[in-house]
Protein backbone atom coordinates (compact mmCIF):
# COMPACT_ATOMS: atom_id res chain seq x y z
CA MET A 1 -7.14 32.26 -15.31
CA PRO A 2 -7.26 35.96 -14.38
CA ASP A 3 -4.33 37.67 -12.68
CA PHE A 4 -4.93 39.22 -9.27
CA ALA A 5 -3.05 42.01 -7.51
CA PRO A 6 -2.63 42.78 -3.81
CA GLY A 7 -5.83 44.32 -2.48
CA ASP A 8 -8.12 42.47 -4.91
CA ARG A 9 -11.16 40.74 -3.40
CA VAL A 10 -11.41 37.10 -4.43
CA HIS A 11 -13.80 34.25 -3.81
CA ILE A 12 -12.78 30.66 -2.96
CA ALA A 13 -15.66 28.25 -3.52
CA SER A 14 -15.13 26.16 -0.38
CA LEU A 15 -14.21 29.01 1.98
CA GLY A 16 -15.80 32.30 0.92
CA THR A 17 -14.47 35.76 0.06
CA GLY A 18 -11.04 37.07 0.99
CA LEU A 19 -8.35 39.57 0.11
CA VAL A 20 -5.20 39.02 -1.96
CA CYS A 21 -2.19 40.02 0.12
CA GLU A 22 0.56 39.01 -2.31
CA ALA A 23 1.03 37.47 -5.75
CA ARG A 24 3.58 34.64 -5.81
CA ASN A 25 5.38 32.65 -8.49
CA GLY A 26 3.64 29.78 -10.20
CA GLY A 27 0.20 31.38 -10.26
CA ARG A 28 -0.24 31.18 -6.48
CA TYR A 29 -1.53 33.95 -4.23
CA LEU A 30 -1.29 34.74 -0.53
CA VAL A 31 -4.93 35.31 0.49
CA GLU A 32 -6.39 36.41 3.82
CA ILE A 33 -9.79 34.88 4.40
CA LYS A 34 -11.79 34.65 7.63
CA GLY A 35 -8.81 35.85 9.66
CA ARG A 36 -6.45 33.24 8.19
CA THR A 37 -3.70 33.70 5.64
CA MET A 38 -3.07 30.91 3.15
CA VAL A 39 -1.39 30.27 -0.17
CA VAL A 40 -3.98 29.48 -2.86
CA PRO A 41 -3.52 28.44 -6.50
CA GLY A 42 -4.98 30.99 -8.90
CA SER A 43 -7.15 28.26 -10.43
CA GLN A 44 -9.21 28.18 -7.21
CA LEU A 45 -9.81 31.94 -7.17
CA LYS A 46 -12.57 33.99 -8.80
CA ALA A 47 -12.91 37.76 -8.75
CA ALA A 48 -15.34 38.92 -6.05
CA GLU A 49 -17.56 41.98 -6.08
CA PRO A 50 -15.94 45.11 -4.60
CA GLU A 51 -16.42 45.59 -0.89
CA ARG A 52 -19.14 48.06 0.05
CA SER A 53 -17.50 49.51 3.16
CA MET A 54 -14.18 51.31 2.76
CA HIS A 55 -13.40 51.06 6.50
CA ARG A 56 -12.03 47.55 6.60
CA ASN A 57 -8.86 46.79 8.52
CA ARG A 58 -6.52 45.07 6.05
CA LYS A 59 -3.85 43.12 7.85
CA LYS A 60 -0.99 41.78 5.76
CA SER A 61 0.96 38.85 7.12
CA ALA A 62 3.46 36.45 5.68
CA ALA A 63 2.98 32.71 5.41
CA PRO A 64 5.72 30.25 4.64
CA ALA A 65 5.72 28.84 1.13
CA PRO A 66 4.80 25.18 0.78
CA GLY A 67 7.80 22.87 1.05
CA ARG A 68 8.81 19.94 -1.08
CA ALA A 69 6.85 17.27 0.72
CA HIS A 70 6.19 13.79 -0.61
CA ALA A 71 2.44 13.39 -0.53
CA ASP A 72 0.28 10.52 -1.67
CA GLY A 73 -3.31 10.67 -2.90
CA ALA A 74 -5.43 12.33 -5.55
CA ALA A 75 -4.53 15.43 -7.50
CA SER A 76 -7.22 17.39 -5.64
CA GLY A 77 -5.18 17.13 -2.45
CA SER A 78 -3.61 14.51 -0.29
CA ALA A 79 -4.89 13.03 2.92
CA SER A 80 -1.34 12.45 4.19
CA LEU A 81 2.04 14.16 4.21
CA ASP A 82 5.28 12.17 4.44
CA LEU A 83 8.10 14.15 6.09
CA HIS A 84 10.78 11.43 6.11
CA GLY A 85 14.25 12.77 5.30
CA MET A 86 13.39 16.45 5.79
CA THR A 87 15.05 18.98 8.05
CA VAL A 88 12.99 20.68 10.75
CA ASP A 89 12.83 23.94 8.73
CA ASP A 90 11.70 22.10 5.58
CA THR A 91 9.18 20.20 7.69
CA ILE A 92 7.51 23.38 8.97
CA ASP A 93 7.29 24.88 5.45
CA ALA A 94 5.86 21.66 4.01
CA LEU A 95 3.39 21.28 6.88
CA ASP A 96 2.04 24.83 6.47
CA GLY A 97 1.52 24.35 2.74
CA PHE A 98 -0.08 20.94 3.25
CA LEU A 99 -2.52 22.26 5.89
CA ASN A 100 -3.47 25.20 3.65
CA ASP A 101 -4.19 22.83 0.75
CA ALA A 102 -6.16 20.49 3.01
CA CYS A 103 -8.35 23.38 4.20
CA LEU A 104 -8.94 24.51 0.63
CA ASP A 105 -9.92 20.96 -0.33
CA GLY A 106 -12.44 20.88 2.54
CA ARG A 107 -10.74 18.03 4.40
CA HIS A 108 -11.69 17.46 8.03
CA GLU A 109 -8.87 15.07 8.93
CA VAL A 110 -5.36 14.50 7.59
CA ARG A 111 -2.34 12.42 8.59
CA VAL A 112 1.21 13.69 9.01
CA ILE A 113 3.90 10.99 8.78
CA HIS A 114 6.94 12.16 10.76
CA GLY A 115 8.45 8.81 11.73
CA ARG A 116 9.71 7.72 15.12
CA GLY A 117 13.49 8.38 14.89
CA SER A 118 14.97 10.96 17.26
CA GLY A 119 11.66 12.71 17.84
CA ARG A 120 12.80 16.11 16.52
CA LEU A 121 10.38 16.10 13.59
CA LYS A 122 7.49 14.95 15.77
CA ALA A 123 8.21 17.69 18.31
CA ALA A 124 8.43 20.36 15.58
CA VAL A 125 5.21 19.11 13.94
CA HIS A 126 3.30 19.09 17.24
CA LYS A 127 4.57 22.54 18.17
CA ARG A 128 3.49 23.98 14.78
CA LEU A 129 0.12 22.20 14.89
CA GLY A 130 -0.53 23.84 18.27
CA GLN A 131 0.10 27.27 16.69
CA HIS A 132 -1.85 26.75 13.45
CA ALA A 133 -5.28 28.45 13.39
CA SER A 134 -6.84 25.78 11.14
CA VAL A 135 -6.05 22.88 13.49
CA ARG A 136 -8.84 21.91 15.88
CA ALA A 137 -7.06 18.91 17.46
CA PHE A 138 -4.26 16.42 16.84
CA ARG A 139 -3.18 13.08 18.31
CA LEU A 140 -0.74 10.27 17.67
CA ASP A 141 -2.12 7.36 15.66
CA PRO A 142 -2.60 4.56 18.24
CA ALA A 143 -1.59 1.98 15.62
CA ASN A 144 1.56 3.88 14.53
CA PRO A 145 3.39 6.35 16.80
CA GLY A 146 5.23 7.73 13.74
CA VAL A 147 2.00 9.31 12.47
CA THR A 148 -0.01 12.23 13.82
CA ILE A 149 -3.73 12.50 12.97
CA VAL A 150 -4.86 16.12 12.57
CA SER A 151 -8.48 17.34 12.80
CA LEU A 152 -9.17 20.53 10.83
């Protein structure tokens, strides 16, 4: 797996070509692609050909690191994220990482399990989903109000 530095152009098979904004621990990189910034494992990146035009506006932005969520499913990415027992801050970090991974895996729909409890996690999840550029729509699962279904 090659190492990339900030400013390197990289290609992600499922999304296209982007720009490395930051190298992180664990072989992960903060990459801006199609106007979105996401954390991507180095194993999903390939070096891209240099850009022809030198007049590109390079915007660097920070994205929260993925949290310590409990996720079920295959190693290629999970279709659901269980947030039980997390604080609101941990929830937001875990949700951002989970949504980034789901986009990289090419998923069109995922489930976020926040529980029913006091409603703080659900409110935080819905607020963040409304701000996230990758989210097209979200709704409560009619069969379980402790789960939100997210369309990407």
